[in-house]
Amino acid sequence: MMELSFKNMIECLQFSPADFFGVKYGLKPVSRIDVGRMQQVSLLNALCQKEGIKLKIIETKIYDSKDNFTLAYISKSEKLIEEAARAEREGNRLKVAELFGYPECCAKFFIKNLNSKTKGENGHLIIDIYKNSSKPFSYYLNSIYNTSGKGNSKIICSETFFQRLGSFCLYYIPHHACSFNCKKSIAFGKEMEKIFRDELPEFNAFLKHILKKPVLVFDDMLFCAFNGLMRGNKVEYETIIPELSFLEAKIKKIILEGDEIIKEKSGFYVYKNGMFVGSFKDAILLQFE
């Protein structure tokens, strides 16, 4: 992942480019980040002043949290920052989605999925999005590597790999779409790609390359991206991408020993040079175009 590089300020801030530039270019009324993830708040303040963006640091409880969070909100309007902070504090997710620039269809889908989870379990958001989609899947809407809203937040905050994954910011849309075909989200993603081409051309080229890699998904916390090609129901691969792969040990061992995965009705079968290595079930294989 060494070729991944933002402009220095964005990299130090750990602020998602989609969230920051979304506000700068008017795609998002408001964005925010947990200050605990940022290396230097002073850099964010300097950057916001340079771009004419309002910044407000607010310590508050959000949704059903028992602990306070210190959050950095950015917007071109102080009034909208106050509205967003109040909506999060009151647990008004639809209002939050509106102020963060998320399509209403995606917000309602996310809330429905969130309400269907059993407390503490790994999420099934990506699988539900897949079930709500038809091929081809748009790479603009590949949110597999976006940790926001996925699974148990304590795992994401404490687990080293997920912390690293969150800092990569590998997505065009800062939300999870209601399907991998959502027209409103695709429109947002296309606008963001234009911005990235101008502001972060190297990152944009790398991002598009990564989002089109075949990926095997077990749930929101367990998935595996391949350096390889997907043809029909088969993936031929040289390696997995370690930074984008989180697997149970038994399944990881099988995949690492193989060079080909074939999806059949009864499950997934792994081969090496045509010789059977192992099998597993309960996953989906995705290719974004």
Protein backbone atom coordinates (compact mmCIF):
# COMPACT_ATOMS: atom_id res chain seq x y z
CA MET A 1 0.00 0.00 0.00
CA MET A 2 3.05 2.27 -0.09
CA GLU A 3 1.90 4.03 -3.28
CA LEU A 4 -1.14 5.37 -1.43
CA SER A 5 -0.46 9.06 -0.61
CA PHE A 6 -2.65 12.09 -0.04
CA LYS A 7 -1.52 15.67 0.08
CA ASN A 8 0.40 16.04 3.30
CA MET A 9 -2.29 17.90 5.23
CA ILE A 10 -5.05 15.42 4.40
CA GLU A 11 -2.77 12.52 5.32
CA CYS A 12 -1.90 14.01 8.72
CA LEU A 13 -5.51 14.85 9.47
CA GLN A 14 -6.90 11.37 8.80
CA PHE A 15 -9.93 13.26 7.46
CA SER A 16 -11.60 11.44 4.58
CA PRO A 17 -10.97 13.31 1.29
CA ALA A 18 -14.57 12.54 0.26
CA ASP A 19 -15.81 14.24 3.44
CA PHE A 20 -13.47 17.25 3.24
CA PHE A 21 -13.78 17.94 -0.47
CA GLY A 22 -17.48 17.14 -0.31
CA VAL A 23 -17.90 20.22 1.89
CA LYS A 24 -15.41 22.32 -0.08
CA TYR A 25 -17.21 21.71 -3.39
CA GLY A 26 -20.77 21.75 -2.07
CA LEU A 27 -21.62 18.04 -2.31
CA LYS A 28 -22.03 17.77 1.46
CA PRO A 29 -23.53 20.46 3.72
CA VAL A 30 -21.65 19.08 6.76
CA SER A 31 -18.91 16.54 7.53
CA ARG A 32 -17.33 15.46 10.80
CA ILE A 33 -14.66 13.24 12.31
CA ASP A 34 -13.82 11.93 15.77
CA VAL A 35 -10.97 14.16 16.94
CA GLY A 36 -9.37 11.13 18.61
CA ARG A 37 -8.45 9.83 15.14
CA MET A 38 -6.68 13.03 14.12
CA GLN A 39 -2.98 13.64 14.59
CA GLN A 40 -3.13 17.44 14.51
CA VAL A 41 -6.31 19.48 15.01
CA SER A 42 -4.31 22.64 14.30
CA LEU A 43 -3.70 21.44 10.73
CA LEU A 44 -7.43 21.00 10.18
CA ASN A 45 -8.06 24.47 11.53
CA ALA A 46 -5.42 25.97 9.22
CA LEU A 47 -6.78 24.09 6.21
CA CYS A 48 -10.36 25.15 6.94
CA GLN A 49 -9.32 28.79 7.30
CA LYS A 50 -7.48 28.59 3.99
CA GLU A 51 -10.54 27.16 2.22
CA GLY A 52 -13.13 29.39 3.92
CA ILE A 53 -14.71 26.48 5.80
CA LYS A 54 -16.13 26.71 9.31
CA LEU A 55 -14.76 24.33 11.97
CA LYS A 56 -16.28 23.58 15.36
CA ILE A 57 -15.05 21.09 17.96
CA ILE A 58 -17.93 19.70 20.02
CA GLU A 59 -17.81 17.25 22.93
CA THR A 60 -21.10 15.37 23.12
CA LYS A 61 -22.89 12.05 23.39
CA ILE A 62 -24.28 10.78 20.10
CA TYR A 63 -27.08 8.33 19.39
CA ASP A 64 -27.23 5.77 22.22
CA SER A 65 -23.61 6.14 23.36
CA LYS A 66 -22.83 6.27 27.08
CA ASP A 67 -19.50 8.03 26.54
CA ASN A 68 -18.75 11.50 25.26
CA PHE A 69 -17.13 11.94 21.86
CA THR A 70 -15.01 14.92 20.83
CA LEU A 71 -16.07 15.61 17.24
CA ALA A 72 -14.79 18.04 14.63
CA TYR A 73 -17.59 19.32 12.38
CA ILE A 74 -16.86 21.24 9.19
CA SER A 75 -19.27 23.17 6.97
CA LYS A 76 -19.62 26.46 5.17
CA SER A 77 -22.38 27.28 7.67
CA GLU A 78 -22.08 27.41 11.47
CA LYS A 79 -25.87 27.01 11.67
CA LEU A 80 -25.71 23.70 9.80
CA ILE A 81 -22.96 22.50 12.13
CA GLU A 82 -25.20 23.18 15.12
CA GLU A 83 -28.11 21.38 13.40
CA ALA A 84 -25.97 18.35 12.62
CA ALA A 85 -24.57 18.14 16.16
CA ARG A 86 -28.07 18.41 17.63
CA ALA A 87 -29.43 15.75 15.24
CA GLU A 88 -26.65 13.32 16.20
CA ARG A 89 -27.15 14.04 19.90
CA GLU A 90 -30.90 13.39 19.56
CA GLY A 91 -30.38 10.27 17.43
CA ASN A 92 -32.22 11.69 14.41
CA ARG A 93 -30.42 9.63 11.78
CA LEU A 94 -32.52 10.80 8.84
CA LYS A 95 -31.73 14.43 9.63
CA VAL A 96 -28.06 13.58 10.06
CA ALA A 97 -28.07 11.85 6.67
CA GLU A 98 -29.68 14.89 5.04
CA LEU A 99 -27.10 17.26 6.55
CA PHE A 100 -24.22 14.93 5.64
CA GLY A 101 -25.42 14.80 2.02
CA TYR A 102 -26.53 11.16 1.92
CA PRO A 103 -29.41 10.16 -0.41
CA GLU A 104 -32.64 9.52 1.51
CA CYS A 105 -33.01 6.05 -0.03
CA CYS A 106 -29.57 5.07 1.28
CA ALA A 107 -30.21 6.54 4.72
CA LYS A 108 -33.47 4.61 5.13
CA PHE A 109 -31.81 1.40 3.96
CA PHE A 110 -28.93 1.89 6.42
CA ILE A 111 -31.29 2.57 9.34
CA LYS A 112 -33.35 -0.53 8.52
CA ASN A 113 -30.18 -2.65 8.46
CA LEU A 114 -28.91 -1.10 11.68
CA ASN A 115 -32.18 -1.83 13.48
CA SER A 116 -32.11 -5.47 12.33
CA LYS A 117 -28.71 -6.23 13.91
CA THR A 118 -28.33 -8.28 17.04
CA LYS A 119 -26.33 -6.30 19.59
CA GLY A 120 -22.61 -7.06 19.36
CA GLU A 121 -22.75 -9.17 16.20
CA ASN A 122 -20.74 -8.56 13.06
CA GLY A 123 -22.86 -6.62 10.60
CA HIS A 124 -24.40 -7.84 7.39
CA LEU A 125 -24.76 -4.45 5.70
CA ILE A 126 -22.62 -5.27 2.65
CA ILE A 127 -24.45 -8.56 2.07
CA ASP A 128 -27.83 -6.81 2.34
CA ILE A 129 -26.66 -4.18 -0.17
CA TYR A 130 -25.60 -7.01 -2.49
CA LYS A 131 -29.01 -8.67 -2.19
CA ASN A 132 -30.63 -5.34 -3.09
CA SER A 133 -28.45 -4.93 -6.21
CA SER A 134 -28.32 -6.13 -9.79
CA LYS A 135 -25.26 -6.55 -12.00
CA PRO A 136 -23.15 -4.77 -13.04
CA PHE A 137 -21.99 -3.28 -9.74
CA SER A 138 -20.59 0.28 -9.89
CA TYR A 139 -17.10 0.76 -8.47
CA TYR A 140 -18.22 4.21 -7.32
CA LEU A 141 -20.38 2.41 -4.74
CA ASN A 142 -17.82 -0.08 -3.43
CA SER A 143 -17.95 0.73 0.30
CA ILE A 144 -16.44 -2.52 1.57
CA TYR A 145 -13.35 -0.68 2.84
CA ASN A 146 -15.33 2.11 4.51
CA THR A 147 -15.49 1.19 8.22
CA SER A 148 -18.09 3.86 9.02
CA GLY A 149 -21.31 2.35 10.35
CA LYS A 150 -20.08 -1.24 10.03
CA GLY A 151 -20.25 -3.84 12.74
CA ASN A 152 -19.11 -3.32 16.31
CA SER A 153 -17.48 0.12 16.61
CA LYS A 154 -15.37 -1.06 19.58
CA ILE A 155 -13.73 -3.66 17.32
CA ILE A 156 -13.04 -1.09 14.62
CA CYS A 157 -11.60 1.42 17.11
CA SER A 158 -9.35 -1.09 18.89
CA GLU A 159 -8.32 -3.48 16.11
CA THR A 160 -5.07 -2.39 14.48
CA PHE A 161 -5.92 -3.55 10.96
CA PHE A 162 -9.26 -1.78 10.95
CA GLN A 163 -7.65 1.41 12.24
CA ARG A 164 -5.24 1.25 9.31
CA LEU A 165 -8.03 0.43 6.89
CA GLY A 166 -10.03 3.44 8.09
CA SER A 167 -7.06 5.73 7.48
CA PHE A 168 -6.77 4.61 3.83
CA CYS A 169 -10.16 6.23 2.98
CA LEU A 170 -10.70 3.89 0.01
CA TYR A 171 -14.09 5.09 -1.26
CA TYR A 172 -15.69 7.71 -3.48
CA ILE A 173 -18.90 8.02 -1.45
CA PRO A 174 -18.66 8.62 2.33
CA HIS A 175 -21.83 6.61 2.99
CA HIS A 176 -23.10 3.11 2.22
CA ALA A 177 -25.44 3.05 -0.78
CA CYS A 178 -28.79 1.24 -0.71
CA SER A 179 -27.60 -0.85 -3.66
CA PHE A 180 -24.51 -1.11 -5.82
CA ASN A 181 -26.62 0.50 -8.57
CA CYS A 182 -28.08 3.51 -6.67
CA LYS A 183 -28.31 6.33 -9.23
CA LYS A 184 -28.09 9.14 -6.69
CA SER A 185 -25.00 7.63 -5.09
CA ILE A 186 -23.39 7.02 -8.49
CA ALA A 187 -23.96 10.68 -9.36
CA PHE A 188 -22.23 11.67 -6.11
CA GLY A 189 -19.35 9.26 -6.82
CA LYS A 190 -18.83 10.63 -10.33
CA GLU A 191 -18.63 14.18 -9.02
CA MET A 192 -16.18 13.09 -6.34
CA GLU A 193 -14.00 11.34 -8.91
CA LYS A 194 -13.77 14.59 -10.90
CA ILE A 195 -12.67 16.38 -7.74
CA PHE A 196 -10.09 13.70 -6.89
CA ARG A 197 -8.68 13.85 -10.43
CA ASP A 198 -7.92 17.53 -9.86
CA GLU A 199 -7.02 17.52 -6.17
CA LEU A 200 -5.46 14.06 -5.67
CA PRO A 201 -4.67 12.56 -9.09
CA GLU A 202 -2.31 9.82 -7.84
CA PHE A 203 -4.72 8.78 -5.12
CA ASN A 204 -7.62 8.79 -7.58
CA ALA A 205 -5.81 6.42 -9.98
CA PHE A 206 -4.88 4.09 -7.12
CA LEU A 207 -8.40 4.22 -5.65
CA LYS A 208 -10.07 3.23 -8.91
CA HIS A 209 -7.55 0.39 -9.32
CA ILE A 210 -8.28 -0.97 -5.82
CA LEU A 211 -12.07 -0.65 -5.98
CA LYS A 212 -12.18 -2.83 -9.09
CA LYS A 213 -10.30 -5.74 -7.46
CA PRO A 214 -12.33 -8.95 -6.89
CA VAL A 215 -13.37 -9.29 -3.26
CA LEU A 216 -14.78 -12.16 -1.21
CA VAL A 217 -17.14 -11.05 1.59
CA PHE A 218 -18.29 -13.11 4.58
CA ASP A 219 -19.72 -10.19 6.56
CA ASP A 220 -18.91 -6.54 7.30
CA MET A 221 -15.83 -7.51 9.31
CA LEU A 222 -14.56 -10.48 7.30
CA PHE A 223 -13.51 -10.08 3.68
CA CYS A 224 -10.61 -10.62 1.32
CA ALA A 225 -9.42 -8.63 -1.72
CA PHE A 226 -7.46 -10.37 -4.49
CA ASN A 227 -4.68 -9.43 -6.84
CA GLY A 228 -6.28 -11.32 -9.69
CA LEU A 229 -9.06 -11.51 -12.25
CA MET A 230 -12.67 -12.61 -11.93
CA ARG A 231 -14.23 -14.46 -14.84
CA GLY A 232 -17.81 -15.54 -14.34
CA ASN A 233 -17.97 -17.59 -11.14
CA LYS A 234 -14.19 -17.95 -10.85
CA VAL A 235 -11.33 -15.82 -9.50
CA GLU A 236 -7.77 -16.53 -10.62
CA TYR A 237 -5.32 -14.82 -8.27
CA GLU A 238 -1.66 -14.48 -7.46
CA THR A 239 -2.04 -13.19 -3.91
CA ILE A 240 -4.49 -11.58 -1.56
CA ILE A 241 -4.02 -7.92 -0.58
CA PRO A 242 -3.06 -8.16 3.13
CA GLU A 243 -4.14 -4.62 4.08
CA LEU A 244 -7.59 -5.29 2.62
CA SER A 245 -8.08 -8.84 3.93
CA PHE A 246 -9.56 -9.88 7.28
CA LEU A 247 -10.28 -13.62 7.52
CA GLU A 248 -10.70 -16.43 10.00
CA ALA A 249 -7.43 -18.38 10.27
CA LYS A 250 -8.76 -21.63 8.77
CA ILE A 251 -10.21 -19.95 5.68
CA LYS A 252 -7.20 -17.67 5.25
CA LYS A 253 -4.91 -20.72 5.19
CA ILE A 254 -7.00 -22.36 2.45
CA ILE A 255 -7.06 -19.22 0.31
CA LEU A 256 -3.32 -18.57 0.70
CA GLU A 257 -2.55 -22.12 -0.45
CA GLY A 258 -4.59 -21.69 -3.64
CA ASP A 259 -4.50 -19.69 -6.85
CA GLU A 260 -8.11 -20.15 -7.98
CA ILE A 261 -11.54 -19.95 -6.32
CA ILE A 262 -14.65 -21.32 -8.01
CA LYS A 263 -18.15 -20.54 -6.77
CA GLU A 264 -20.64 -23.40 -7.03
CA LYS A 265 -24.14 -23.90 -5.58
CA SER A 266 -22.78 -25.87 -2.65
CA GLY A 267 -20.05 -23.37 -1.74
CA PHE A 268 -16.61 -22.10 -2.74
CA TYR A 269 -13.83 -24.45 -3.86
CA VAL A 270 -10.14 -23.52 -3.84
CA TYR A 271 -7.54 -25.03 -6.18
CA LYS A 272 -3.80 -24.75 -6.73
CA ASN A 273 -2.57 -25.61 -10.22
CA GLY A 274 -5.83 -27.48 -10.74
CA MET A 275 -5.48 -29.53 -7.53
CA PHE A 276 -8.16 -29.24 -4.83
CA VAL A 277 -7.04 -27.39 -1.68
CA GLY A 278 -10.18 -26.82 0.38
CA SER A 279 -13.67 -25.36 0.50
CA PHE A 280 -15.96 -23.10 2.55
CA LYS A 281 -19.50 -21.68 2.46
CA ASP A 282 -21.49 -18.57 3.40
CA ALA A 283 -19.75 -15.85 1.39
CA ILE A 284 -20.36 -13.65 -1.65
CA LEU A 285 -17.93 -12.90 -4.47
CA LEU A 286 -18.04 -9.37 -5.84
CA GLN A 287 -16.58 -7.64 -8.87
CA PHE A 288 -17.13 -3.91 -9.38
CA GLU A 289 -16.95 -2.32 -12.82
